[in-house]
Structures are given as structure tokens and as C-alpha cells.
Amino acid sequence: MFEVRGELPLLRHVVAGLAVMALVAGCGKRPEPAPAETATPGPAPAAVATAPAVKALSPLQRPELLAAAAAAANAAAAGQAPPRSNLDLTDRTFEIRLPFACNDGVLGAWGTWSVEPATSALHVSFHRQRWGDDPVFRALALGTAFDAAEGFWIERPWTSAEQCPAALPPPAAAPGQPATAPSPVHVLALVQYFAPDGPRTLRRGNRPYAYAAKLADGGQPEVAGFRVKLVGRISGFADGQPVHCLVQQASQPPVCAMAVAFTKVVLENAATGESLTEWGG
């Protein structure tokens, strides 16, 4: 047996060299970057639901009011219930123009106008009709409690025209009899029924709507008459119907009333449409 002593230092040098080489190799190798994460597309954001714009209903005009009254009159004449199609009109607003003091001396007799020659002052006056004691309007109320009823007749309900009609020659008189103008046909009214416990300030009573103005030219007003614009809401009757009609004679048209609440009354120049003054209800 013998012992080799000289190889041990050499072995140590070899191991140390290998360690240095491994360290150098490890430092020279850069770590590869981690693969980029691929973004997984998520669900598309839900579209925000936009509520459709609510279109404000425009006020009902004379043609729509006449059409509703005609439908109700037709049902009443046939002995039928009021048309359900009219129910949509309750609570709608309306505007209608009524000419008055027409040149035939009959139509619009509920209003007058004149000019004072000495002062060139224009005076216009009109009033509501009052039907609180009229049995026809009590029958038309049909369960609606009231102690006063005021409003206006819609004259010439067979036309949508809102002006005085053209002048016609006077009617021919029978031999030995004076010529007389026929009375206007009253078959459709706008009526405001006032509840017994309602505020009395809303009632017009016997107070007229009056207007006075100084004419600039010192003469007659350059107008073709005047008219009243009525603005309000269709309040309807106790059964929800806007119009009630009453048949008094089978050979005559039914008498109808539309239940309303007046909110504004405007005096207009009929020729120009200019608003001269207004009142609240």
C-alpha cells in the first residue's frame, strides 16, 4: 500500500475551476421573459337603454272638439252609449276661437263692440252664458254634482271656420210680414260645472269681460270683428266621458255639452289674430 499525496491539490484546483466555469455560464445566460399574457376579451358593455322621449300632446283644436261631439251625438241619436274612443280626450288641453258680434246681428250676440265718436275709445264686452238652472244642462250633467254652470255655445258646429261668416242677403219676408233673422242653432256648448264645495272665485257669474282702448287713428278700428280664444282643459263628466248629449226630439239634433275647465280667455283681433288682452279663466 502506498499513498499518493501529490494528486489532492490538483483535484482541488480542478473542482474550483469547474465551479468558476459554471458560475460564469450562469451569469451569461439571461432569463427569458415570461410570455405576455394575452388579454381575453370580456363581454361588451351592455348598451344603456334610453327611454323614448315623451311627446307632449298639443292642445285640441276646433276640428277635434267637433269630431268628438259629432261621435257622441251620433251615439245618442242611435240610442247607444257614448263612444269609448272619446275617453282619450278627457284631461287633454284645448284651444278654440269664437267670433262674436257678427254682421248679421245674430251670431255672437253674447258679445258687443263699439267706438265712441267723441273720444275715439273702443269698448268691447262679452260674457259667459249661465245655465245653472237650465234643465237641459242638469240632464246633461248626468250625476255630476254642481250648483253653477257657465260657458259658451259653439255656434255653427258644422264648420271648422273660426271667423264670422260672409255677409248674406237678408232673408225674404212673407207678404205682409217683416223680415226676421232666424235664431242661431245651439246644439254644442263648452260648459264648466262648479261643484258646491268648489272655490267661488273661479265663477264668472254676471261679471262681463270688458276691454277699452284709445284708437290711435281716431277712427274705426281696422278689424274684421273680434273673437274670443278659449283655453282650458277637458275635465269630463263623472263617467269619464268628455261629451254628453241629450235627445229631446227624434226629428232634431241632440244637444251636447263638453265638460271643461277654462284656464284663460283671450280677446283677439279677428283680422290679424293679435291678442288684445286676456283674463285667467
C-alpha atoms as a PDB file:
ATOM      1  CA  MET A   1       0.000   0.000   0.000  1.00  0.00           C
ATOM      2  CA  PHE A   2       1.250   3.375  -0.757  1.00  0.00           C
ATOM      3  CA  GLU A   3      -0.331   6.854  -0.590  1.00  0.00           C
ATOM      4  CA  VAL A   4      -0.405   9.342  -3.453  1.00  0.00           C
ATOM      5  CA  ARG A   5      -0.134  12.739  -1.798  1.00  0.00           C
ATOM      6  CA  GLY A   6       0.595  14.929  -4.790  1.00  0.00           C
ATOM      7  CA  GLU A   7      -2.782  14.486  -6.604  1.00  0.00           C
ATOM      8  CA  LEU A   8      -5.011  16.013  -3.910  1.00  0.00           C
ATOM      9  CA  PRO A   9      -4.052  19.643  -4.555  1.00  0.00           C
ATOM     10  CA  LEU A  10      -4.547  19.108  -8.240  1.00  0.00           C
ATOM     11  CA  LEU A  11      -8.052  17.743  -7.676  1.00  0.00           C
ATOM     12  CA  ARG A  12      -8.926  20.739  -5.642  1.00  0.00           C
ATOM     13  CA  HIS A  13      -7.827  23.045  -8.423  1.00  0.00           C
ATOM     14  CA  VAL A  14      -9.952  21.137 -10.954  1.00  0.00           C
ATOM     15  CA  VAL A  15     -13.101  21.342  -8.782  1.00  0.00           C
ATOM     16  CA  ALA A  16     -12.574  25.041  -8.202  1.00  0.00           C
ATOM     17  CA  GLY A  17     -12.174  25.648 -11.940  1.00  0.00           C
ATOM     18  CA  LEU A  18     -15.336  23.800 -12.772  1.00  0.00           C
ATOM     19  CA  ALA A  19     -17.235  25.864 -10.198  1.00  0.00           C
ATOM     20  CA  VAL A  20     -15.936  29.114 -11.696  1.00  0.00           C
ATOM     21  CA  MET A  21     -16.887  27.976 -15.189  1.00  0.00           C
ATOM     22  CA  ALA A  22     -20.443  27.092 -14.026  1.00  0.00           C
ATOM     23  CA  LEU A  23     -20.786  30.463 -12.348  1.00  0.00           C
ATOM     24  CA  VAL A  24     -19.650  32.304 -15.451  1.00  0.00           C
ATOM     25  CA  ALA A  25     -22.007  30.321 -17.629  1.00  0.00           C
ATOM     26  CA  GLY A  26     -24.903  31.051 -15.293  1.00  0.00           C
ATOM     27  CA  CYS A  27     -24.218  34.769 -15.257  1.00  0.00           C
ATOM     28  CA  GLY A  28     -24.001  34.956 -19.020  1.00  0.00           C
ATOM     29  CA  LYS A  29     -27.401  33.330 -19.614  1.00  0.00           C
ATOM     30  CA  ARG A  30     -30.229  35.852 -19.344  1.00  0.00           C
ATOM     31  CA  PRO A  31     -33.593  34.604 -18.206  1.00  0.00           C
ATOM     32  CA  GLU A  32     -36.143  34.531 -20.984  1.00  0.00           C
ATOM     33  CA  PRO A  33     -39.033  36.918 -20.441  1.00  0.00           C
ATOM     34  CA  ALA A  34     -42.293  35.345 -19.415  1.00  0.00           C
ATOM     35  CA  PRO A  35     -44.691  35.111 -22.301  1.00  0.00           C
ATOM     36  CA  ALA A  36     -47.007  38.114 -22.433  1.00  0.00           C
ATOM     37  CA  GLU A  37     -50.450  37.358 -21.183  1.00  0.00           C
ATOM     38  CA  THR A  38     -52.989  37.521 -23.928  1.00  0.00           C
ATOM     39  CA  ALA A  39     -55.930  39.667 -22.833  1.00  0.00           C
ATOM     40  CA  THR A  40     -59.097  37.694 -23.082  1.00  0.00           C
ATOM     41  CA  PRO A  41     -61.839  39.963 -24.472  1.00  0.00           C
ATOM     42  CA  GLY A  42     -64.628  40.302 -21.948  1.00  0.00           C
ATOM     43  CA  PRO A  43     -68.276  40.737 -22.757  1.00  0.00           C
ATOM     44  CA  ALA A  44     -69.140  44.009 -24.471  1.00  0.00           C
ATOM     45  CA  PRO A  45     -70.671  46.564 -22.113  1.00  0.00           C
ATOM     46  CA  ALA A  46     -74.401  46.485 -22.264  1.00  0.00           C
ATOM     47  CA  ALA A  47     -75.934  49.372 -24.163  1.00  0.00           C
ATOM     48  CA  VAL A  48     -77.602  51.889 -21.902  1.00  0.00           C
ATOM     49  CA  ALA A  49     -81.285  51.808 -22.631  1.00  0.00           C
ATOM     50  CA  THR A  50     -82.598  55.286 -23.430  1.00  0.00           C
ATOM     51  CA  ALA A  51     -86.232  55.853 -22.655  1.00  0.00           C
ATOM     52  CA  PRO A  52     -88.103  57.273 -25.623  1.00  0.00           C
ATOM     53  CA  ALA A  53     -88.887  60.936 -25.299  1.00  0.00           C
ATOM     54  CA  VAL A  54     -92.462  61.591 -24.290  1.00  0.00           C
ATOM     55  CA  LYS A  55     -94.030  63.861 -26.861  1.00  0.00           C
ATOM     56  CA  ALA A  56     -96.227  66.498 -25.323  1.00  0.00           C
ATOM     57  CA  LEU A  57     -99.718  66.416 -26.744  1.00  0.00           C
ATOM     58  CA  SER A  58    -100.687  69.611 -28.475  1.00  0.00           C
ATOM     59  CA  PRO A  59    -103.946  71.294 -27.452  1.00  0.00           C
ATOM     60  CA  LEU A  60    -107.059  70.025 -29.183  1.00  0.00           C
ATOM     61  CA  GLN A  61    -108.414  72.422 -31.762  1.00  0.00           C
ATOM     62  CA  ARG A  62    -111.908  73.108 -33.054  1.00  0.00           C
ATOM     63  CA  PRO A  63    -111.948  70.196 -35.575  1.00  0.00           C
ATOM     64  CA  GLU A  64    -111.099  67.619 -32.874  1.00  0.00           C
ATOM     65  CA  LEU A  65    -113.707  69.040 -30.493  1.00  0.00           C
ATOM     66  CA  LEU A  66    -116.371  68.991 -33.193  1.00  0.00           C
ATOM     67  CA  ALA A  67    -115.448  65.426 -34.176  1.00  0.00           C
ATOM     68  CA  ALA A  68    -115.795  64.225 -30.567  1.00  0.00           C
ATOM     69  CA  ALA A  69    -119.157  65.969 -30.224  1.00  0.00           C
ATOM     70  CA  ALA A  70    -120.376  64.516 -33.529  1.00  0.00           C
ATOM     71  CA  ALA A  71    -119.436  60.988 -32.408  1.00  0.00           C
ATOM     72  CA  ALA A  72    -121.286  61.470 -29.112  1.00  0.00           C
ATOM     73  CA  ALA A  73    -124.338  62.938 -30.865  1.00  0.00           C
ATOM     74  CA  ASN A  74    -124.417  60.062 -33.332  1.00  0.00           C
ATOM     75  CA  ALA A  75    -124.355  57.514 -30.496  1.00  0.00           C
ATOM     76  CA  ALA A  76    -127.086  59.358 -28.575  1.00  0.00           C
ATOM     77  CA  ALA A  77    -129.316  59.613 -31.643  1.00  0.00           C
ATOM     78  CA  ALA A  78    -128.937  55.854 -32.155  1.00  0.00           C
ATOM     79  CA  GLY A  79    -129.743  55.092 -28.523  1.00  0.00           C
ATOM     80  CA  GLN A  80    -126.227  53.860 -27.832  1.00  0.00           C
ATOM     81  CA  ALA A  81    -123.735  54.537 -25.050  1.00  0.00           C
ATOM     82  CA  PRO A  82    -121.191  57.341 -25.574  1.00  0.00           C
ATOM     83  CA  PRO A  83    -118.250  56.211 -27.746  1.00  0.00           C
ATOM     84  CA  ARG A  84    -115.275  54.809 -25.850  1.00  0.00           C
ATOM     85  CA  SER A  85    -112.950  56.500 -28.338  1.00  0.00           C
ATOM     86  CA  ASN A  86    -113.838  59.841 -26.750  1.00  0.00           C
ATOM     87  CA  LEU A  87    -112.431  58.752 -23.372  1.00  0.00           C
ATOM     88  CA  ASP A  88    -108.907  59.598 -24.550  1.00  0.00           C
ATOM     89  CA  LEU A  89    -109.831  63.275 -24.777  1.00  0.00           C
ATOM     90  CA  THR A  90    -110.572  63.724 -21.076  1.00  0.00           C
ATOM     91  CA  ASP A  91    -107.802  65.705 -19.331  1.00  0.00           C
ATOM     92  CA  ARG A  92    -106.476  66.989 -22.673  1.00  0.00           C
ATOM     93  CA  THR A  93    -105.985  70.719 -23.145  1.00  0.00           C
ATOM     94  CA  PHE A  94    -107.815  72.624 -25.854  1.00  0.00           C
ATOM     95  CA  GLU A  95    -107.919  75.944 -27.703  1.00  0.00           C
ATOM     96  CA  ILE A  96    -110.867  77.249 -29.668  1.00  0.00           C
ATOM     97  CA  ARG A  97    -111.773  80.663 -31.096  1.00  0.00           C
ATOM     98  CA  LEU A  98    -115.312  82.009 -31.168  1.00  0.00           C
ATOM     99  CA  PRO A  99    -116.195  85.078 -33.262  1.00  0.00           C
ATOM    100  CA  PHE A 100    -118.811  87.409 -31.855  1.00  0.00           C
ATOM    101  CA  ALA A 101    -120.883  90.438 -32.851  1.00  0.00           C
ATOM    102  CA  CYS A 102    -121.016  89.190 -36.434  1.00  0.00           C
ATOM    103  CA  ASN A 103    -122.524  91.410 -39.106  1.00  0.00           C
ATOM    104  CA  ASP A 104    -125.803  89.506 -39.261  1.00  0.00           C
ATOM    105  CA  GLY A 105    -126.688  90.727 -35.791  1.00  0.00           C
ATOM    106  CA  VAL A 106    -127.442  87.175 -34.650  1.00  0.00           C
ATOM    107  CA  LEU A 107    -124.249  85.146 -34.431  1.00  0.00           C
ATOM    108  CA  GLY A 108    -122.084  86.044 -31.471  1.00  0.00           C
ATOM    109  CA  ALA A 109    -124.793  88.121 -29.844  1.00  0.00           C
ATOM    110  CA  TRP A 110    -123.200  87.299 -26.474  1.00  0.00           C
ATOM    111  CA  GLY A 111    -120.577  89.974 -27.229  1.00  0.00           C
ATOM    112  CA  THR A 112    -120.568  93.581 -28.476  1.00  0.00           C
ATOM    113  CA  TRP A 113    -118.115  96.255 -29.508  1.00  0.00           C
ATOM    114  CA  SER A 114    -118.451  99.936 -30.269  1.00  0.00           C
ATOM    115  CA  VAL A 115    -116.452 103.133 -30.739  1.00  0.00           C
ATOM    116  CA  GLU A 116    -117.300 106.391 -29.016  1.00  0.00           C
ATOM    117  CA  PRO A 117    -117.056 109.104 -31.702  1.00  0.00           C
ATOM    118  CA  ALA A 118    -116.257 111.867 -29.215  1.00  0.00           C
ATOM    119  CA  THR A 119    -113.329 110.094 -27.592  1.00  0.00           C
ATOM    120  CA  SER A 120    -112.340 107.504 -30.240  1.00  0.00           C
ATOM    121  CA  ALA A 121    -112.435 104.950 -27.449  1.00  0.00           C
ATOM    122  CA  LEU A 122    -113.042 101.319 -28.358  1.00  0.00           C
ATOM    123  CA  HIS A 123    -115.206  99.304 -25.983  1.00  0.00           C
ATOM    124  CA  VAL A 124    -115.510  95.529 -26.217  1.00  0.00           C
ATOM    125  CA  SER A 125    -117.636  93.428 -23.905  1.00  0.00           C
ATOM    126  CA  PHE A 126    -118.762  89.796 -23.760  1.00  0.00           C
ATOM    127  CA  HIS A 127    -119.917  87.389 -21.126  1.00  0.00           C
ATOM    128  CA  ARG A 128    -120.355  83.731 -20.328  1.00  0.00           C
ATOM    129  CA  GLN A 129    -123.750  82.176 -20.505  1.00  0.00           C
ATOM    130  CA  ARG A 130    -125.097  80.791 -17.223  1.00  0.00           C
ATOM    131  CA  TRP A 131    -127.028  77.523 -17.262  1.00  0.00           C
ATOM    132  CA  GLY A 132    -127.178  76.538 -13.604  1.00  0.00           C
ATOM    133  CA  ASP A 133    -130.983  76.473 -13.618  1.00  0.00           C
ATOM    134  CA  ASP A 134    -131.394  75.096 -17.139  1.00  0.00           C
ATOM    135  CA  PRO A 135    -132.986  71.606 -17.028  1.00  0.00           C
ATOM    136  CA  VAL A 136    -131.131  70.626 -20.213  1.00  0.00           C
ATOM    137  CA  PHE A 137    -127.737  71.165 -18.580  1.00  0.00           C
ATOM    138  CA  ARG A 138    -128.901  69.402 -15.434  1.00  0.00           C
ATOM    139  CA  ALA A 139    -129.824  66.392 -17.547  1.00  0.00           C
ATOM    140  CA  LEU A 140    -126.510  66.580 -19.408  1.00  0.00           C
ATOM    141  CA  ALA A 141    -124.570  66.594 -16.095  1.00  0.00           C
ATOM    142  CA  LEU A 142    -125.800  63.027 -15.516  1.00  0.00           C
ATOM    143  CA  GLY A 143    -124.651  62.541 -11.948  1.00  0.00           C
ATOM    144  CA  THR A 144    -122.038  65.299 -11.826  1.00  0.00           C
ATOM    145  CA  ALA A 145    -122.794  67.349  -8.714  1.00  0.00           C
ATOM    146  CA  PHE A 146    -122.850  71.107  -9.315  1.00  0.00           C
ATOM    147  CA  ASP A 147    -124.579  74.276  -8.244  1.00  0.00           C
ATOM    148  CA  ALA A 148    -123.451  76.533 -11.113  1.00  0.00           C
ATOM    149  CA  ALA A 149    -122.755  76.016 -14.809  1.00  0.00           C
ATOM    150  CA  GLU A 150    -121.149  78.591 -17.112  1.00  0.00           C
ATOM    151  CA  GLY A 151    -119.774  78.548 -20.610  1.00  0.00           C
ATOM    152  CA  PHE A 152    -120.179  79.323 -24.290  1.00  0.00           C
ATOM    153  CA  TRP A 153    -122.179  77.905 -27.159  1.00  0.00           C
ATOM    154  CA  ILE A 154    -120.095  76.828 -30.133  1.00  0.00           C
ATOM    155  CA  GLU A 155    -122.091  78.384 -32.928  1.00  0.00           C
ATOM    156  CA  ARG A 156    -122.079  76.828 -36.419  1.00  0.00           C
ATOM    157  CA  PRO A 157    -120.702  73.477 -35.181  1.00  0.00           C
ATOM    158  CA  TRP A 158    -120.856  72.113 -38.733  1.00  0.00           C
ATOM    159  CA  THR A 159    -117.790  74.121 -39.795  1.00  0.00           C
ATOM    160  CA  SER A 160    -114.212  74.402 -38.569  1.00  0.00           C
ATOM    161  CA  ALA A 161    -114.065  78.092 -39.554  1.00  0.00           C
ATOM    162  CA  GLU A 162    -113.315  80.431 -36.670  1.00  0.00           C
ATOM    163  CA  GLN A 163    -114.344  83.677 -38.357  1.00  0.00           C
ATOM    164  CA  CYS A 164    -117.696  85.363 -38.802  1.00  0.00           C
ATOM    165  CA  PRO A 165    -119.348  84.042 -41.974  1.00  0.00           C
ATOM    166  CA  ALA A 166    -119.563  86.134 -45.095  1.00  0.00           C
ATOM    167  CA  ALA A 167    -122.468  88.542 -45.226  1.00  0.00           C
ATOM    168  CA  LEU A 168    -125.608  87.138 -46.815  1.00  0.00           C
ATOM    169  CA  PRO A 169    -128.629  88.992 -48.193  1.00  0.00           C
ATOM    170  CA  PRO A 170    -131.436  89.333 -45.658  1.00  0.00           C
ATOM    171  CA  PRO A 171    -133.985  86.534 -45.736  1.00  0.00           C
ATOM    172  CA  ALA A 172    -137.054  87.149 -47.845  1.00  0.00           C
ATOM    173  CA  ALA A 173    -140.129  88.056 -45.825  1.00  0.00           C
ATOM    174  CA  ALA A 174    -143.550  86.570 -46.365  1.00  0.00           C
ATOM    175  CA  PRO A 175    -146.067  89.005 -47.833  1.00  0.00           C
ATOM    176  CA  GLY A 176    -147.206  91.399 -45.153  1.00  0.00           C
ATOM    177  CA  GLN A 177    -144.656  90.131 -42.626  1.00  0.00           C
ATOM    178  CA  PRO A 178    -141.414  91.837 -41.561  1.00  0.00           C
ATOM    179  CA  ALA A 179    -138.163  90.067 -42.361  1.00  0.00           C
ATOM    180  CA  THR A 180    -136.644  88.401 -39.334  1.00  0.00           C
ATOM    181  CA  ALA A 181    -133.292  86.724 -38.931  1.00  0.00           C
ATOM    182  CA  PRO A 182    -133.506  83.111 -37.756  1.00  0.00           C
ATOM    183  CA  SER A 183    -132.178  82.298 -34.332  1.00  0.00           C
ATOM    184  CA  PRO A 184    -128.809  80.527 -34.208  1.00  0.00           C
ATOM    185  CA  VAL A 185    -128.867  76.769 -33.749  1.00  0.00           C
ATOM    186  CA  HIS A 186    -127.462  75.931 -30.327  1.00  0.00           C
ATOM    187  CA  VAL A 187    -126.541  72.253 -30.091  1.00  0.00           C
ATOM    188  CA  LEU A 188    -122.997  72.209 -28.664  1.00  0.00           C
ATOM    189  CA  ALA A 189    -121.705  74.024 -25.597  1.00  0.00           C
ATOM    190  CA  LEU A 190    -118.467  74.234 -23.659  1.00  0.00           C
ATOM    191  CA  VAL A 191    -119.614  74.212 -20.048  1.00  0.00           C
ATOM    192  CA  GLN A 192    -117.786  74.441 -16.758  1.00  0.00           C
ATOM    193  CA  TYR A 193    -119.697  72.805 -13.928  1.00  0.00           C
ATOM    194  CA  PHE A 194    -118.817  74.163 -10.490  1.00  0.00           C
ATOM    195  CA  ALA A 195    -119.010  71.773  -7.535  1.00  0.00           C
ATOM    196  CA  PRO A 196    -120.946  73.014  -4.493  1.00  0.00           C
ATOM    197  CA  ASP A 197    -117.801  72.898  -2.351  1.00  0.00           C
ATOM    198  CA  GLY A 198    -115.517  74.418  -5.008  1.00  0.00           C
ATOM    199  CA  PRO A 199    -113.906  77.877  -4.748  1.00  0.00           C
ATOM    200  CA  ARG A 200    -116.342  80.641  -5.660  1.00  0.00           C
ATOM    201  CA  THR A 201    -113.562  82.781  -7.119  1.00  0.00           C
ATOM    202  CA  LEU A 202    -113.469  80.606 -10.251  1.00  0.00           C
ATOM    203  CA  ARG A 203    -117.025  81.533 -11.164  1.00  0.00           C
ATOM    204  CA  ARG A 204    -117.572  84.443 -13.511  1.00  0.00           C
ATOM    205  CA  GLY A 205    -121.210  84.953 -12.619  1.00  0.00           C
ATOM    206  CA  ASN A 206    -122.694  88.068 -14.182  1.00  0.00           C
ATOM    207  CA  ARG A 207    -119.346  89.887 -14.459  1.00  0.00           C
ATOM    208  CA  PRO A 208    -118.603  90.646 -18.129  1.00  0.00           C
ATOM    209  CA  TYR A 209    -115.222  90.503 -19.795  1.00  0.00           C
ATOM    210  CA  ALA A 210    -114.626  94.162 -20.685  1.00  0.00           C
ATOM    211  CA  TYR A 211    -111.882  95.858 -22.703  1.00  0.00           C
ATOM    212  CA  ALA A 212    -111.350  99.533 -23.565  1.00  0.00           C
ATOM    213  CA  ALA A 213    -108.630 101.193 -25.637  1.00  0.00           C
ATOM    214  CA  LYS A 214    -107.946 104.507 -27.307  1.00  0.00           C
ATOM    215  CA  LEU A 215    -107.782 104.190 -31.088  1.00  0.00           C
ATOM    216  CA  ALA A 216    -104.557 105.582 -32.460  1.00  0.00           C
ATOM    217  CA  ASP A 217    -106.020 106.851 -35.736  1.00  0.00           C
ATOM    218  CA  GLY A 218    -109.050 108.404 -34.089  1.00  0.00           C
ATOM    219  CA  GLY A 219    -111.456 106.378 -36.189  1.00  0.00           C
ATOM    220  CA  GLN A 220    -112.885 102.923 -36.622  1.00  0.00           C
ATOM    221  CA  PRO A 221    -110.635 100.003 -35.754  1.00  0.00           C
ATOM    222  CA  GLU A 222    -109.102  98.291 -38.744  1.00  0.00           C
ATOM    223  CA  VAL A 223    -110.550  94.938 -37.864  1.00  0.00           C
ATOM    224  CA  ALA A 224    -112.992  92.411 -39.245  1.00  0.00           C
ATOM    225  CA  GLY A 225    -114.580  91.992 -35.847  1.00  0.00           C
ATOM    226  CA  PHE A 226    -113.298  90.305 -32.737  1.00  0.00           C
ATOM    227  CA  ARG A 227    -113.154  86.811 -31.389  1.00  0.00           C
ATOM    228  CA  VAL A 228    -112.514  85.084 -28.101  1.00  0.00           C
ATOM    229  CA  LYS A 229    -109.866  82.405 -27.723  1.00  0.00           C
ATOM    230  CA  LEU A 230    -110.827  79.949 -25.018  1.00  0.00           C
ATOM    231  CA  VAL A 231    -108.004  77.929 -23.463  1.00  0.00           C
ATOM    232  CA  GLY A 232    -108.597  75.181 -20.954  1.00  0.00           C
ATOM    233  CA  ARG A 233    -108.717  71.514 -20.065  1.00  0.00           C
ATOM    234  CA  ILE A 234    -111.400  68.936 -20.826  1.00  0.00           C
ATOM    235  CA  SER A 235    -112.402  67.923 -17.308  1.00  0.00           C
ATOM    236  CA  GLY A 236    -115.025  65.378 -18.350  1.00  0.00           C
ATOM    237  CA  PHE A 237    -118.110  64.126 -16.546  1.00  0.00           C
ATOM    238  CA  ALA A 238    -118.432  61.713 -13.628  1.00  0.00           C
ATOM    239  CA  ASP A 239    -118.367  58.726 -16.010  1.00  0.00           C
ATOM    240  CA  GLY A 240    -115.103  59.881 -17.632  1.00  0.00           C
ATOM    241  CA  GLN A 241    -116.740  60.896 -20.887  1.00  0.00           C
ATOM    242  CA  PRO A 242    -115.837  64.362 -22.207  1.00  0.00           C
ATOM    243  CA  VAL A 243    -119.159  64.895 -24.012  1.00  0.00           C
ATOM    244  CA  HIS A 244    -122.738  64.135 -23.082  1.00  0.00           C
ATOM    245  CA  CYS A 245    -125.645  64.506 -25.495  1.00  0.00           C
ATOM    246  CA  LEU A 246    -129.365  64.703 -24.894  1.00  0.00           C
ATOM    247  CA  VAL A 247    -132.041  63.767 -27.425  1.00  0.00           C
ATOM    248  CA  GLN A 248    -135.097  65.954 -26.885  1.00  0.00           C
ATOM    249  CA  GLN A 249    -136.903  65.254 -30.156  1.00  0.00           C
ATOM    250  CA  ALA A 250    -136.157  62.490 -32.624  1.00  0.00           C
ATOM    251  CA  SER A 251    -136.508  64.955 -35.512  1.00  0.00           C
ATOM    252  CA  GLN A 252    -133.992  67.400 -34.023  1.00  0.00           C
ATOM    253  CA  PRO A 253    -130.239  67.075 -33.479  1.00  0.00           C
ATOM    254  CA  PRO A 254    -129.152  66.141 -29.944  1.00  0.00           C
ATOM    255  CA  VAL A 255    -127.983  68.916 -27.636  1.00  0.00           C
ATOM    256  CA  CYS A 256    -124.433  68.223 -26.445  1.00  0.00           C
ATOM    257  CA  ALA A 257    -122.152  69.674 -23.809  1.00  0.00           C
ATOM    258  CA  MET A 258    -118.420  69.211 -23.328  1.00  0.00           C
ATOM    259  CA  ALA A 259    -117.369  69.494 -19.678  1.00  0.00           C
ATOM    260  CA  VAL A 260    -114.307  71.737 -19.409  1.00  0.00           C
ATOM    261  CA  ALA A 261    -112.328  73.940 -17.046  1.00  0.00           C
ATOM    262  CA  PHE A 262    -111.400  77.310 -18.536  1.00  0.00           C
ATOM    263  CA  THR A 263    -107.874  78.457 -17.714  1.00  0.00           C
ATOM    264  CA  LYS A 264    -107.507  81.511 -19.968  1.00  0.00           C
ATOM    265  CA  VAL A 265    -109.767  83.757 -22.033  1.00  0.00           C
ATOM    266  CA  VAL A 266    -108.121  85.920 -24.703  1.00  0.00           C
ATOM    267  CA  LEU A 267    -109.632  88.754 -26.730  1.00  0.00           C
ATOM    268  CA  GLU A 268    -108.236  88.773 -30.274  1.00  0.00           C
ATOM    269  CA  ASN A 269    -108.407  90.982 -33.328  1.00  0.00           C
ATOM    270  CA  ALA A 270    -110.168  88.636 -35.743  1.00  0.00           C
ATOM    271  CA  ALA A 271    -108.403  90.077 -38.787  1.00  0.00           C
ATOM    272  CA  THR A 272    -104.817  89.886 -37.543  1.00  0.00           C
ATOM    273  CA  GLY A 273    -105.026  87.344 -34.715  1.00  0.00           C
ATOM    274  CA  GLU A 274    -103.394  89.891 -32.396  1.00  0.00           C
ATOM    275  CA  SER A 275    -104.067  89.322 -28.710  1.00  0.00           C
ATOM    276  CA  LEU A 276    -105.508  92.487 -27.190  1.00  0.00           C
ATOM    277  CA  THR A 277    -105.917  91.365 -23.592  1.00  0.00           C
ATOM    278  CA  GLU A 278    -106.535  88.226 -21.584  1.00  0.00           C
ATOM    279  CA  TRP A 279    -108.139  87.018 -18.387  1.00  0.00           C
ATOM    280  CA  GLY A 280    -107.466  83.991 -16.251  1.00  0.00           C
ATOM    281  CA  GLY A 281    -110.399  81.632 -16.756  1.00  0.00           C
END
